[in-house]
Protein backbone atom coordinates (compact mmCIF):
# COMPACT_ATOMS: atom_id res chain seq x y z
CA MET A 1 81.53 107.58 124.62
CA PRO A 2 83.33 110.52 126.24
CA HIS A 3 85.87 109.82 128.94
CA PRO A 4 84.80 110.51 132.54
CA PRO A 5 86.12 113.77 134.03
CA PRO A 6 89.51 113.54 135.74
CA THR A 7 87.91 114.29 139.12
CA ASN A 8 86.13 110.94 139.12
CA PRO A 9 86.87 109.39 142.56
CA THR A 10 87.26 105.93 141.07
CA ARG A 11 90.26 107.14 139.10
CA ARG A 12 91.74 109.14 141.98
CA ALA A 13 91.66 106.34 144.55
CA PRO A 14 94.62 104.31 143.20
CA LEU A 15 96.72 107.46 142.96
CA MET A 16 95.92 108.50 146.54
CA ARG A 17 96.72 105.02 147.85
CA ALA A 18 100.05 105.14 146.04
CA LEU A 19 100.90 108.52 147.53
CA VAL A 20 100.09 107.31 151.03
CA ARG A 21 102.26 104.22 150.53
CA LEU A 22 105.16 106.36 149.32
CA ALA A 23 104.88 108.66 152.33
CA CYS A 24 104.81 105.71 154.71
CA MET A 25 107.85 104.17 153.02
CA ALA A 26 109.76 107.45 153.31
CA ALA A 27 109.00 107.78 157.01
CA CYS A 28 109.94 104.17 157.67
CA ALA A 29 113.22 104.68 155.82
CA VAL A 30 114.07 107.62 158.05
CA ALA A 31 113.30 105.61 161.16
CA ALA A 32 115.23 102.60 159.92
CA ALA A 33 118.29 104.71 159.23
CA ALA A 34 118.28 106.20 162.69
CA ILE A 35 117.62 102.86 164.37
CA ALA A 36 120.46 101.31 162.40
CA GLU A 37 122.78 104.03 163.59
CA GLU A 38 121.61 103.51 167.17
CA ASN A 39 122.40 99.81 166.86
CA GLY A 40 125.88 100.52 165.57
CA ALA A 41 125.29 100.09 161.83
CA PRO A 42 126.06 102.85 159.29
CA ALA A 43 123.06 105.08 158.73
CA ALA A 44 122.04 108.00 156.59
CA SER A 45 120.99 111.27 158.19
CA ALA A 46 117.53 111.15 159.72
CA THR A 47 115.03 113.71 160.95
CA LEU A 48 112.92 111.62 163.24
CA GLU A 49 111.95 112.29 166.74
CA PRO A 50 113.94 114.67 168.91
CA ALA A 51 115.07 114.82 172.42
CA PRO A 52 114.35 118.46 172.91
CA SER A 53 116.67 120.34 175.02
CA VAL A 54 115.19 123.22 176.21
CA ALA A 55 117.56 124.68 177.94
CA PRO A 56 121.08 124.64 176.94
CA SER A 57 124.07 124.81 179.01
CA VAL A 58 125.22 128.11 180.11
CA THR A 59 128.32 129.93 181.07
CA PRO A 60 128.11 132.22 184.03
CA SER A 61 129.84 134.86 185.98
CA VAL A 62 132.20 134.09 188.78
CA THR A 63 130.65 132.00 191.50
CA PRO A 64 131.98 130.31 194.65
CA SER A 65 132.49 126.55 194.78
CA ALA A 66 129.68 126.26 197.29
CA ALA A 67 127.29 127.72 194.76
CA ALA A 68 128.10 125.05 192.20
CA SER A 69 127.82 122.21 194.70
CA SER A 70 124.41 123.28 195.99
CA ALA A 71 122.90 124.25 192.65
CA ALA A 72 121.13 120.97 192.00
CA SER A 73 119.23 121.00 195.29
CA ASN A 74 118.14 124.62 194.91
CA SER A 75 117.29 124.47 191.21
CA THR A 76 114.01 122.68 191.77
CA ALA A 77 112.89 124.41 194.94
CA VAL A 78 109.34 125.66 195.28
CA ALA A 79 108.84 129.05 193.66
CA ASN A 80 109.33 131.00 196.86
CA GLY A 81 105.63 131.43 197.33
CA SER A 82 105.11 133.30 194.08
CA GLY A 83 101.88 131.74 192.90
CA GLY A 84 100.10 132.51 189.67
CA ALA A 85 101.73 133.31 186.36
CA ALA A 86 105.49 133.63 186.44
CA SER A 87 105.28 137.23 185.19
CA THR A 88 103.05 138.38 188.07
CA PRO A 89 104.85 140.34 190.83
CA ARG A 90 104.35 139.43 194.46
CA THR A 91 101.93 141.84 196.09
CA ASP A 92 103.30 141.00 199.55
CA VAL A 93 106.82 142.23 198.73
CA ALA A 94 107.55 145.95 198.89
CA ALA A 95 110.23 147.61 196.83
CA PRO A 96 113.57 147.93 198.66
CA LYS A 97 114.15 151.18 200.50
CA VAL A 98 117.63 151.60 199.05
CA PRO A 99 117.33 153.11 195.55
CA PRO A 100 118.95 151.28 192.60
CA ASN A 101 121.67 153.90 192.20
CA GLU A 102 122.87 153.16 195.75
CA ALA A 103 122.56 149.35 195.75
CA ALA A 104 126.26 148.94 194.94
CA LYS A 105 127.14 150.53 198.28
CA LEU A 106 125.61 147.60 200.14
CA LYS A 107 127.66 144.63 201.34
CA PRO A 108 127.59 141.57 199.02
CA ASP A 109 125.09 139.65 201.18
CA GLU A 110 122.87 142.71 201.33
CA GLN A 111 123.11 143.13 197.56
CA VAL A 112 121.74 139.62 197.03
CA ARG A 113 118.81 140.32 199.33
CA TRP A 114 118.25 143.69 197.67
CA LEU A 115 118.23 142.11 194.21
CA ARG A 116 115.73 139.45 195.26
CA GLN A 117 113.40 142.05 196.77
CA ALA A 118 113.74 144.34 193.76
CA ALA A 119 112.85 141.47 191.42
CA GLN A 120 109.92 140.10 193.42
CA SER A 121 108.37 143.53 193.99
CA GLY A 122 108.49 144.38 190.29
CA LEU A 123 111.01 147.20 190.71
CA LEU A 124 113.55 145.76 188.26
CA GLU A 125 110.94 145.49 185.54
CA LYS A 126 110.04 149.16 185.98
CA LEU A 127 113.59 150.40 185.39
CA ASP A 128 114.50 151.57 181.91
CA ASP A 129 117.29 149.96 179.89
CA ALA A 130 119.95 152.45 180.94
CA GLU A 131 119.05 152.16 184.63
CA LEU A 132 119.14 148.36 184.52
CA THR A 133 122.48 148.31 182.74
CA THR A 134 124.03 150.76 185.20
CA LEU A 135 122.65 148.83 188.17
CA PHE A 136 124.05 145.43 187.16
CA GLN A 137 127.38 146.90 186.10
CA SER A 138 127.75 148.39 189.58
CA LEU A 139 126.95 145.26 191.62
CA ASP A 140 129.59 142.98 193.13
CA ALA A 141 130.85 140.24 190.79
CA LEU A 142 129.32 137.52 192.99
CA THR A 143 125.90 139.08 193.48
CA VAL A 144 124.19 137.62 190.40
CA PRO A 145 125.70 134.10 190.81
CA ARG A 146 124.64 134.01 194.46
CA TYR A 147 121.18 135.31 193.57
CA VAL A 148 120.78 132.51 191.01
CA GLN A 149 122.31 129.94 193.36
CA ASP A 150 119.79 130.78 196.10
CA GLY A 151 117.01 130.08 193.60
CA PRO A 152 114.43 128.86 193.02
CA ASN A 153 115.40 128.30 189.38
CA GLY A 154 112.08 126.82 188.31
CA TYR A 155 108.95 125.17 189.70
CA PRO A 156 108.08 121.65 190.87
CA SER A 157 105.38 121.60 188.16
CA TYR A 158 105.11 124.11 185.32
CA GLU A 159 104.37 124.83 181.68
CA PHE A 160 106.41 126.92 179.28
CA THR A 161 106.66 127.82 175.63
CA MET A 162 110.05 128.21 174.03
CA ILE A 163 111.87 129.06 170.81
CA ARG A 164 114.83 126.75 170.16
CA GLN A 165 117.52 126.49 167.50
CA GLU A 166 120.59 124.27 167.60
CA ARG A 167 123.39 123.62 165.15
CA ILE A 168 123.22 119.88 164.46
CA ARG A 169 126.16 118.23 162.67
CA GLY A 170 127.35 121.65 161.55
CA VAL A 171 124.01 122.78 160.12
CA TRP A 172 122.13 125.78 161.54
CA PRO A 173 118.35 125.42 160.98
CA SER A 174 116.69 128.12 158.91
CA ARG A 175 113.55 127.90 161.01
CA PRO A 176 113.44 127.56 164.82
CA ASP A 177 111.38 125.07 166.77
CA HIS A 178 108.45 126.54 168.69
CA MET A 179 107.54 124.24 171.57
CA LEU A 180 105.00 123.81 174.34
CA VAL A 181 106.43 121.89 177.30
CA ARG A 182 104.83 120.59 180.51
CA VAL A 183 107.10 119.37 183.30
CA THR A 184 106.84 117.87 186.76
CA ARG A 185 109.99 117.25 188.80
CA TYR A 186 108.88 114.73 191.44
CA PRO A 187 108.80 112.38 189.60
CA LEU A 188 110.35 113.75 186.41
CA ARG A 189 107.70 113.69 183.69
CA ILE A 190 107.74 115.72 180.49
CA TYR A 191 105.30 116.32 177.65
CA ALA A 192 106.50 118.39 174.67
CA LYS A 193 104.72 119.43 171.50
CA TRP A 194 106.13 121.21 168.46
CA LEU A 195 103.73 124.04 167.59
CA PRO A 196 102.38 124.77 164.08
CA ASP A 197 104.35 127.98 163.46
CA GLY A 198 107.76 126.38 164.02
CA ALA A 199 109.93 123.67 162.52
CA HIS A 200 108.91 120.01 162.96
CA ALA A 201 105.31 121.07 163.63
CA GLY A 202 103.05 118.38 165.10
CA GLN A 203 105.75 116.28 166.75
CA GLU A 204 105.09 115.14 170.30
CA ILE A 205 107.13 113.33 172.93
CA ILE A 206 106.46 112.04 176.42
CA TYR A 207 109.03 111.08 179.04
CA ASP A 208 108.04 109.50 182.36
CA GLU A 209 110.85 108.23 184.56
CA THR A 210 108.39 106.03 186.48
CA ARG A 211 107.63 104.05 183.29
CA ARG A 212 110.88 103.94 181.33
CA SER A 213 113.69 105.94 182.84
CA ASP A 214 116.00 105.56 179.83
CA GLU A 215 113.51 106.03 176.98
CA MET A 216 111.00 108.52 175.63
CA TYR A 217 107.95 107.99 173.42
CA GLY A 218 107.18 110.16 170.41
CA HIS A 219 105.98 110.57 166.86
CA LEU A 220 106.80 112.60 163.77
CA GLY A 221 103.53 114.50 163.47
CA GLY A 222 102.37 115.78 160.12
CA ILE A 223 99.29 114.83 158.10
CA LEU A 224 99.82 111.09 158.26
CA ASN A 225 100.95 111.09 161.91
CA ILE A 226 102.71 107.75 161.59
CA LEU A 227 105.30 105.77 163.48
CA PRO A 228 105.04 106.44 167.23
CA VAL A 229 108.17 104.83 168.72
CA TRP A 230 110.11 104.33 171.94
CA ALA A 231 113.61 105.78 171.65
CA SER A 232 116.68 105.88 173.87
CA LEU A 233 117.40 109.21 175.54
CA ASN A 234 120.94 109.10 174.12
CA GLY A 235 120.30 107.24 170.87
CA ALA A 236 120.44 108.35 167.25
CA LEU A 237 116.77 109.30 167.16
CA ALA A 238 117.23 111.61 170.13
CA ARG A 239 120.22 113.37 168.55
CA THR A 240 118.71 114.16 165.15
CA GLN A 241 117.25 117.48 166.32
CA SER A 242 119.03 118.29 169.59
CA ASN A 243 122.38 118.00 171.34
CA HIS A 244 120.60 117.61 174.68
CA GLN A 245 118.54 115.00 176.47
CA VAL A 246 114.84 115.53 177.02
CA SER A 247 115.56 115.75 180.75
CA ASP A 248 117.49 118.98 180.08
CA LEU A 249 114.25 120.77 179.22
CA GLY A 250 113.56 123.63 181.62
CA THR A 251 115.08 126.65 183.30
CA GLU A 252 116.78 124.57 186.01
CA TYR A 253 119.31 123.07 183.61
CA ILE A 254 120.54 126.48 182.52
CA ALA A 255 120.98 127.64 186.10
CA ARG A 256 122.97 124.51 186.99
CA GLN A 257 125.28 125.03 184.02
CA PHE A 258 125.67 128.71 184.88
CA LEU A 259 126.88 127.81 188.35
CA SER A 260 129.08 124.88 187.34
CA GLU A 261 130.83 126.92 184.64
CA GLY A 262 131.38 129.81 187.02
CA GLU A 263 134.31 128.25 188.85
CA LYS A 264 136.08 127.57 185.57
CA TYR A 265 135.60 131.17 184.55
CA ALA A 266 137.10 132.35 187.81
CA GLN A 267 140.12 130.08 187.32
CA ALA A 268 140.57 131.53 183.84
CA GLY A 269 140.58 135.05 185.25
CA VAL A 270 137.12 136.00 184.00
CA THR A 271 135.67 137.76 187.02
CA ARG A 272 133.00 139.81 185.27
CA PRO A 273 130.91 139.63 182.10
CA THR A 274 132.56 141.21 179.07
CA ARG A 275 129.26 142.95 178.34
CA ILE A 276 126.04 143.77 180.21
CA GLU A 277 123.05 145.08 178.30
CA VAL A 278 119.27 144.93 178.17
CA LYS A 279 117.84 142.90 175.29
CA THR A 280 114.39 141.92 174.09
CA LEU A 281 114.25 138.55 172.30
CA GLU A 282 110.96 137.16 171.01
CA GLY A 283 109.15 139.69 173.20
CA VAL A 284 111.10 138.73 176.36
CA ARG A 285 112.99 141.60 178.04
CA VAL A 286 116.07 140.50 179.98
CA VAL A 287 119.35 141.72 181.39
CA ALA A 288 121.91 139.99 179.16
CA PHE A 289 125.34 138.95 180.45
CA THR A 290 127.98 138.01 177.87
CA TYR A 291 131.00 135.92 178.89
CA GLU A 292 133.94 135.14 176.65
CA THR A 293 137.28 133.41 177.18
CA SER A 294 140.47 133.19 175.16
CA THR A 295 140.54 129.37 175.18
CA GLY A 296 136.88 128.63 174.48
CA MET A 297 135.76 125.08 173.73
CA PRO A 298 136.20 122.34 174.86
CA GLN A 299 137.40 123.72 178.19
CA PHE A 300 134.20 125.75 178.35
CA TYR A 301 130.76 125.00 177.04
CA ALA A 302 131.07 127.85 174.54
CA LYS A 303 133.65 130.36 173.40
CA LYS A 304 131.10 133.10 174.01
CA GLU A 305 127.79 132.87 175.84
CA THR A 306 125.05 135.43 176.38
CA LEU A 307 122.53 134.71 179.14
CA GLY A 308 119.38 136.73 179.67
CA LEU A 309 118.28 137.02 183.31
CA ASP A 310 114.56 137.22 184.05
CA LEU A 311 113.55 140.50 185.69
CA ARG A 312 111.39 138.87 188.38
CA HIS A 313 112.88 135.46 189.06
CA PRO A 314 116.37 133.99 189.64
CA TYR A 315 116.50 132.06 186.37
CA PHE A 316 117.53 132.77 182.79
CA ARG A 317 115.02 133.28 179.98
CA THR A 318 117.39 133.45 177.00
CA VAL A 319 120.63 131.78 175.92
CA GLU A 320 122.87 132.38 172.91
CA SER A 321 126.00 130.21 172.56
CA TYR A 322 128.88 130.65 170.09
CA ASP A 323 131.66 128.25 169.09
CA ASN A 324 135.38 128.95 168.66
CA ASP A 325 134.79 130.20 165.10
CA GLY A 326 132.24 132.74 166.28
CA ARG A 327 129.27 130.81 164.89
CA ILE A 328 126.13 130.60 166.96
CA PHE A 329 125.33 126.98 167.80
CA GLU A 330 122.46 127.36 170.22
CA ARG A 331 119.65 129.84 170.81
CA ILE A 332 116.93 129.42 173.44
CA VAL A 333 114.14 131.78 174.45
CA PHE A 334 111.58 130.89 177.12
CA GLN A 335 108.61 132.96 175.99
CA THR A 336 106.16 132.11 178.76
CA ILE A 337 106.66 130.32 182.08
CA ALA A 338 103.83 129.50 184.48
CA PRO A 339 103.54 127.11 187.45
CA LYS A 340 100.75 124.58 186.90
CA THR A 341 99.48 121.34 188.39
CA PHE A 342 99.05 118.35 186.06
CA ASP A 343 97.23 115.05 186.41
CA ASP A 344 98.48 111.67 185.17
CA GLU A 345 96.65 112.07 181.85
CA THR A 346 98.99 114.93 180.94
CA PHE A 347 101.82 112.42 180.55
CA ASP A 348 99.79 109.59 179.03
CA PRO A 349 100.06 108.96 175.25
CA LYS A 350 96.39 107.88 175.33
CA ASN A 351 95.31 111.42 176.21
CA PRO A 352 92.63 112.24 173.60
CA ALA A 353 94.10 115.72 173.14
CA TYR A 354 97.34 114.20 171.83
CA ARG A 355 98.06 112.51 168.50
CA PHE A 356 100.16 109.50 169.47
């Protein structure tokens, strides 16, 4: 009698079960290694669930001490009445009467007000690259820090997509993470999903300070979608894909770091950016400020840092950080940012739209 064809399901079933068991064992081994490390035992490298950092720390231009001390309170202020998508200009704000080529003649306080009005009205976005570069090179050294310090540097509740790469344990990833993040600030609640076209696709995490203030909940994603776990914000699982805590996700964190680093830059004699230019990263057009010091790390967050200022809001959309050897160790791009209101289901693992 001839043998049955190899596609017979009765012959495939044992093989498929074996493959599934092997995949489960591999995932469990990864988790066990990370958990062992978190508990103080030696552990192999793991690639389990991340504590995404969206926003890295940032080095800024010179800023007064008062700016650094008040940054936290201003960083989460309401978005100054600018409803709708973050890229939409305010129709109730007219362009400033002083033209850009004369803005540097204004007093410092007037420059800050001029810059805010130029951003909100959409004037900055209309300037070409050369005009933007000339404008920001001509402004007082404290104008941009004070503009950022006055805020708002984010929204009480918003959604953003971001591109993120970080050097972890000396290794720069060949493929960036592409993430969708939803955040509320009062209370702090975060949902993050790794999108299909980036690294670690399918992963999800939820953090809700009203449930567990020191832990987040997440899973690996992938076809099998196994092993949802609770993990410490500072534990081994959280550090496998990011050098930041999940609570660092958002534009506010970058602004706070920009202001806190500013005083150190001033003390080191860095009163202006070493370079100002207009860049477009991942489709996001920004005015980029590069700061560099002779001492570098660990006195400063980075040896060299390039921050891309949004053209309509007082927050940064891009960050590129370099270590003392000139190697990039962090790259962040906020592609889209939009204020939104979320219900409790948004931060509930039982949400049917999620895969926990």
